[in-house]
């Protein structure tokens, strides 16, 4: 399940596998699904990650 974080009154969603954060819950879920299935990160997904 994707983790929800708040910082500076903005919501962020994090992959529970690799802890990359996203502004979109959809991207965080795609990341988490990929990480669980492949035990790695996908560059096409993680390029949407943000630093919080």
PDB file of N, CA and C in Angstrom:
ATOM      1  N   UNK A   1       0.852  -1.177   0.000  1.00  0.00           N
ATOM      2  CA  UNK A   1       0.000   0.000   0.000  1.00  0.00           C
ATOM      3  C   UNK A   1       0.894   1.235   0.000  1.00  0.00           C
ATOM      4  N   UNK A   2       0.604   2.162  -0.826  1.00  0.00           N
ATOM      5  CA  UNK A   2       1.366   3.395  -0.958  1.00  0.00           C
ATOM      6  C   UNK A   2       1.210   4.234   0.310  1.00  0.00           C
ATOM      7  N   UNK A   3       2.331   4.811   0.768  1.00  0.00           N
ATOM      8  CA  UNK A   3       2.295   5.681   1.946  1.00  0.00           C
ATOM      9  C   UNK A   3       1.985   7.110   1.517  1.00  0.00           C
ATOM     10  N   UNK A   4       1.176   7.800   2.304  1.00  0.00           N
ATOM     11  CA  UNK A   4       0.848   9.192   2.038  1.00  0.00           C
ATOM     12  C   UNK A   4       1.602  10.071   3.031  1.00  0.00           C
ATOM     13  N   UNK A   5       2.278  11.091   2.515  1.00  0.00           N
ATOM     14  CA  UNK A   5       3.032  12.031   3.353  1.00  0.00           C
ATOM     15  C   UNK A   5       2.569  13.442   3.049  1.00  0.00           C
ATOM     16  N   UNK A   6       2.667  14.314   4.041  1.00  0.00           N
ATOM     17  CA  UNK A   6       2.356  15.722   3.836  1.00  0.00           C
ATOM     18  C   UNK A   6       3.574  16.554   4.217  1.00  0.00           C
ATOM     19  N   UNK A   7       3.874  17.536   3.377  1.00  0.00           N
ATOM     20  CA  UNK A   7       4.951  18.468   3.667  1.00  0.00           C
ATOM     21  C   UNK A   7       4.589  19.795   3.027  1.00  0.00           C
ATOM     22  N   UNK A   8       4.680  20.851   3.806  1.00  0.00           N
ATOM     23  CA  UNK A   8       4.338  22.195   3.318  1.00  0.00           C
ATOM     24  C   UNK A   8       2.936  22.225   2.704  1.00  0.00           C
ATOM     25  N   UNK A   9       1.990  21.575   3.373  1.00  0.00           N
ATOM     26  CA  UNK A   9       0.589  21.514   2.943  1.00  0.00           C
ATOM     27  C   UNK A   9       0.400  20.866   1.570  1.00  0.00           C
ATOM     28  N   UNK A  10       1.342  20.040   1.141  1.00  0.00           N
ATOM     29  CA  UNK A  10       1.226  19.293  -0.114  1.00  0.00           C
ATOM     30  C   UNK A  10       1.262  17.819   0.200  1.00  0.00           C
ATOM     31  N   UNK A  11       0.485  17.036  -0.545  1.00  0.00           N
ATOM     32  CA  UNK A  11       0.465  15.591  -0.376  1.00  0.00           C
ATOM     33  C   UNK A  11       1.474  14.947  -1.318  1.00  0.00           C
ATOM     34  N   UNK A  12       2.175  13.966  -0.788  1.00  0.00           N
ATOM     35  CA  UNK A  12       3.089  13.158  -1.569  1.00  0.00           C
ATOM     36  C   UNK A  12       2.786  11.702  -1.281  1.00  0.00           C
ATOM     37  N   UNK A  13       3.090  10.861  -2.231  1.00  0.00           N
ATOM     38  CA  UNK A  13       2.832   9.438  -2.090  1.00  0.00           C
ATOM     39  C   UNK A  13       4.147   8.701  -2.314  1.00  0.00           C
ATOM     40  N   UNK A  14       4.436   7.731  -1.457  1.00  0.00           N
ATOM     41  CA  UNK A  14       5.717   7.034  -1.522  1.00  0.00           C
ATOM     42  C   UNK A  14       5.527   5.541  -1.725  1.00  0.00           C
ATOM     43  N   UNK A  15       6.384   4.997  -2.544  1.00  0.00           N
ATOM     44  CA  UNK A  15       6.461   3.553  -2.740  1.00  0.00           C
ATOM     45  C   UNK A  15       6.999   2.937  -1.456  1.00  0.00           C
ATOM     46  N   UNK A  16       6.339   1.932  -0.934  1.00  0.00           N
ATOM     47  CA  UNK A  16       6.799   1.300   0.303  1.00  0.00           C
ATOM     48  C   UNK A  16       8.001   0.397   0.085  1.00  0.00           C
ATOM     49  N   UNK A  17       8.304   0.071  -1.144  1.00  0.00           N
ATOM     50  CA  UNK A  17       9.447  -0.795  -1.436  1.00  0.00           C
ATOM     51  C   UNK A  17      10.754  -0.009  -1.509  1.00  0.00           C
ATOM     52  N   UNK A  18      10.769   1.093  -2.267  1.00  0.00           N
ATOM     53  CA  UNK A  18      12.018   1.844  -2.467  1.00  0.00           C
ATOM     54  C   UNK A  18      11.982   3.243  -1.839  1.00  0.00           C
ATOM     55  N   UNK A  19      10.820   3.661  -1.361  1.00  0.00           N
ATOM     56  CA  UNK A  19      10.619   4.965  -0.705  1.00  0.00           C
ATOM     57  C   UNK A  19      10.743   6.161  -1.636  1.00  0.00           C
ATOM     58  N   UNK A  20      10.697   5.977  -2.941  1.00  0.00           N
ATOM     59  CA  UNK A  20      10.657   7.115  -3.848  1.00  0.00           C
ATOM     60  C   UNK A  20       9.297   7.796  -3.673  1.00  0.00           C
ATOM     61  N   UNK A  21       9.294   9.122  -3.723  1.00  0.00           N
ATOM     62  CA  UNK A  21       8.069   9.892  -3.518  1.00  0.00           C
ATOM     63  C   UNK A  21       7.570  10.465  -4.844  1.00  0.00           C
ATOM     64  N   UNK A  22       6.243  10.577  -4.934  1.00  0.00           N
ATOM     65  CA  UNK A  22       5.585  11.076  -6.147  1.00  0.00           C
ATOM     66  C   UNK A  22       4.469  12.033  -5.753  1.00  0.00           C
ATOM     67  N   UNK A  23       4.161  12.966  -6.637  1.00  0.00           N
ATOM     68  CA  UNK A  23       3.029  13.860  -6.406  1.00  0.00           C
ATOM     69  C   UNK A  23       1.717  13.157  -6.742  1.00  0.00           C
ATOM     70  N   UNK A  24       1.785  12.121  -7.550  1.00  0.00           N
ATOM     71  CA  UNK A  24       0.609  11.376  -7.984  1.00  0.00           C
ATOM     72  C   UNK A  24       0.579  10.003  -7.325  1.00  0.00           C
ATOM     73  N   UNK A  25      -0.572   9.647  -6.800  1.00  0.00           N
ATOM     74  CA  UNK A  25      -0.729   8.317  -6.198  1.00  0.00           C
ATOM     75  C   UNK A  25      -0.587   7.228  -7.255  1.00  0.00           C
ATOM     76  N   UNK A  26      -1.020   7.508  -8.482  1.00  0.00           N
ATOM     77  CA  UNK A  26      -0.924   6.533  -9.568  1.00  0.00           C
ATOM     78  C   UNK A  26       0.529   6.145  -9.845  1.00  0.00           C
ATOM     79  N   UNK A  27       1.432   7.131  -9.909  1.00  0.00           N
ATOM     80  CA  UNK A  27       2.843   6.835 -10.159  1.00  0.00           C
ATOM     81  C   UNK A  27       3.449   6.063  -9.001  1.00  0.00           C
ATOM     82  N   UNK A  28       3.087   6.423  -7.784  1.00  0.00           N
ATOM     83  CA  UNK A  28       3.604   5.700  -6.617  1.00  0.00           C
ATOM     84  C   UNK A  28       3.143   4.248  -6.643  1.00  0.00           C
ATOM     85  N   UNK A  29       1.904   4.016  -7.040  1.00  0.00           N
ATOM     86  CA  UNK A  29       1.381   2.654  -7.112  1.00  0.00           C
ATOM     87  C   UNK A  29       2.070   1.858  -8.218  1.00  0.00           C
ATOM     88  N   UNK A  30       2.306   2.496  -9.373  1.00  0.00           N
ATOM     89  CA  UNK A  30       3.021   1.827 -10.463  1.00  0.00           C
ATOM     90  C   UNK A  30       4.428   1.454 -10.017  1.00  0.00           C
ATOM     91  N   UNK A  31       5.075   2.359  -9.310  1.00  0.00           N
ATOM     92  CA  UNK A  31       6.419   2.107  -8.808  1.00  0.00           C
ATOM     93  C   UNK A  31       6.417   0.926  -7.844  1.00  0.00           C
ATOM     94  N   UNK A  32       5.496   0.947  -6.913  1.00  0.00           N
ATOM     95  CA  UNK A  32       5.419  -0.125  -5.922  1.00  0.00           C
ATOM     96  C   UNK A  32       5.141  -1.476  -6.583  1.00  0.00           C
ATOM     97  N   UNK A  33       4.240  -1.499  -7.533  1.00  0.00           N
ATOM     98  CA  UNK A  33       3.938  -2.747  -8.238  1.00  0.00           C
ATOM     99  C   UNK A  33       5.176  -3.277  -8.967  1.00  0.00           C
ATOM    100  N   UNK A  34       5.884  -2.382  -9.645  1.00  0.00           N
ATOM    101  CA  UNK A  34       7.087  -2.781 -10.375  1.00  0.00           C
ATOM    102  C   UNK A  34       8.145  -3.315  -9.405  1.00  0.00           C
ATOM    103  N   UNK A  35       8.393  -2.560  -8.340  1.00  0.00           N
ATOM    104  CA  UNK A  35       9.411  -2.952  -7.357  1.00  0.00           C
ATOM    105  C   UNK A  35       9.127  -4.333  -6.768  1.00  0.00           C
ATOM    106  N   UNK A  36       7.886  -4.580  -6.418  1.00  0.00           N
ATOM    107  CA  UNK A  36       7.519  -5.871  -5.825  1.00  0.00           C
ATOM    108  C   UNK A  36       7.683  -7.019  -6.816  1.00  0.00           C
ATOM    109  N   UNK A  37       7.321  -6.773  -8.054  1.00  0.00           N
ATOM    110  CA  UNK A  37       7.371  -7.836  -9.050  1.00  0.00           C
ATOM    111  C   UNK A  37       8.789  -8.116  -9.537  1.00  0.00           C
ATOM    112  N   UNK A  38       9.587  -7.057  -9.727  1.00  0.00           N
ATOM    113  CA  UNK A  38      10.900  -7.207 -10.358  1.00  0.00           C
ATOM    114  C   UNK A  38      12.083  -7.035  -9.399  1.00  0.00           C
ATOM    115  N   UNK A  39      11.825  -6.610  -8.181  1.00  0.00           N
ATOM    116  CA  UNK A  39      12.888  -6.366  -7.190  1.00  0.00           C
ATOM    117  C   UNK A  39      13.935  -5.398  -7.724  1.00  0.00           C
ATOM    118  N   UNK A  40      13.449  -4.388  -8.438  1.00  0.00           N
ATOM    119  CA  UNK A  40      14.313  -3.346  -8.999  1.00  0.00           C
ATOM    120  C   UNK A  40      13.449  -2.117  -9.274  1.00  0.00           C
ATOM    121  N   UNK A  41      14.093  -1.033  -9.679  1.00  0.00           N
ATOM    122  CA  UNK A  41      13.359   0.178 -10.046  1.00  0.00           C
ATOM    123  C   UNK A  41      13.318   0.307 -11.564  1.00  0.00           C
ATOM    124  N   UNK A  42      12.308   0.991 -12.050  1.00  0.00           N
ATOM    125  CA  UNK A  42      12.118   1.210 -13.478  1.00  0.00           C
ATOM    126  C   UNK A  42      12.374   2.690 -13.760  1.00  0.00           C
ATOM    127  N   UNK A  43      13.335   2.991 -14.625  1.00  0.00           N
ATOM    128  CA  UNK A  43      13.712   4.371 -14.921  1.00  0.00           C
ATOM    129  C   UNK A  43      12.537   5.169 -15.491  1.00  0.00           C
ATOM    130  N   UNK A  44      11.698   4.523 -16.288  1.00  0.00           N
ATOM    131  CA  UNK A  44      10.551   5.216 -16.879  1.00  0.00           C
ATOM    132  C   UNK A  44       9.539   5.640 -15.815  1.00  0.00           C
ATOM    133  N   UNK A  45       9.502   4.936 -14.705  1.00  0.00           N
ATOM    134  CA  UNK A  45       8.607   5.295 -13.604  1.00  0.00           C
ATOM    135  C   UNK A  45       9.302   6.282 -12.673  1.00  0.00           C
ATOM    136  N   UNK A  46      10.536   5.991 -12.283  1.00  0.00           N
ATOM    137  CA  UNK A  46      11.214   6.821 -11.280  1.00  0.00           C
ATOM    138  C   UNK A  46      11.568   8.221 -11.796  1.00  0.00           C
ATOM    139  N   UNK A  47      11.536   8.434 -13.098  1.00  0.00           N
ATOM    140  CA  UNK A  47      11.795   9.793 -13.595  1.00  0.00           C
ATOM    141  C   UNK A  47      10.692  10.768 -13.165  1.00  0.00           C
ATOM    142  N   UNK A  48       9.559  10.230 -12.682  1.00  0.00           N
ATOM    143  CA  UNK A  48       8.465  11.067 -12.193  1.00  0.00           C
ATOM    144  C   UNK A  48       8.551  11.317 -10.686  1.00  0.00           C
ATOM    145  N   UNK A  49       9.557  10.744 -10.052  1.00  0.00           N
ATOM    146  CA  UNK A  49       9.733  10.906  -8.602  1.00  0.00           C
ATOM    147  C   UNK A  49      10.143  12.341  -8.272  1.00  0.00           C
ATOM    148  N   UNK A  50       9.810  12.764  -7.074  1.00  0.00           N
ATOM    149  CA  UNK A  50      10.171  14.106  -6.596  1.00  0.00           C
ATOM    150  C   UNK A  50      10.933  13.973  -5.289  1.00  0.00           C
ATOM    151  N   UNK A  51      11.730  14.986  -4.998  1.00  0.00           N
ATOM    152  CA  UNK A  51      12.451  15.009  -3.731  1.00  0.00           C
ATOM    153  C   UNK A  51      11.649  15.862  -2.753  1.00  0.00           C
ATOM    154  N   UNK A  52      11.389  15.303  -1.570  1.00  0.00           N
ATOM    155  CA  UNK A  52      10.650  16.076  -0.558  1.00  0.00           C
ATOM    156  C   UNK A  52      11.506  16.306   0.662  1.00  0.00           C
TER     157      UNK A  52
END
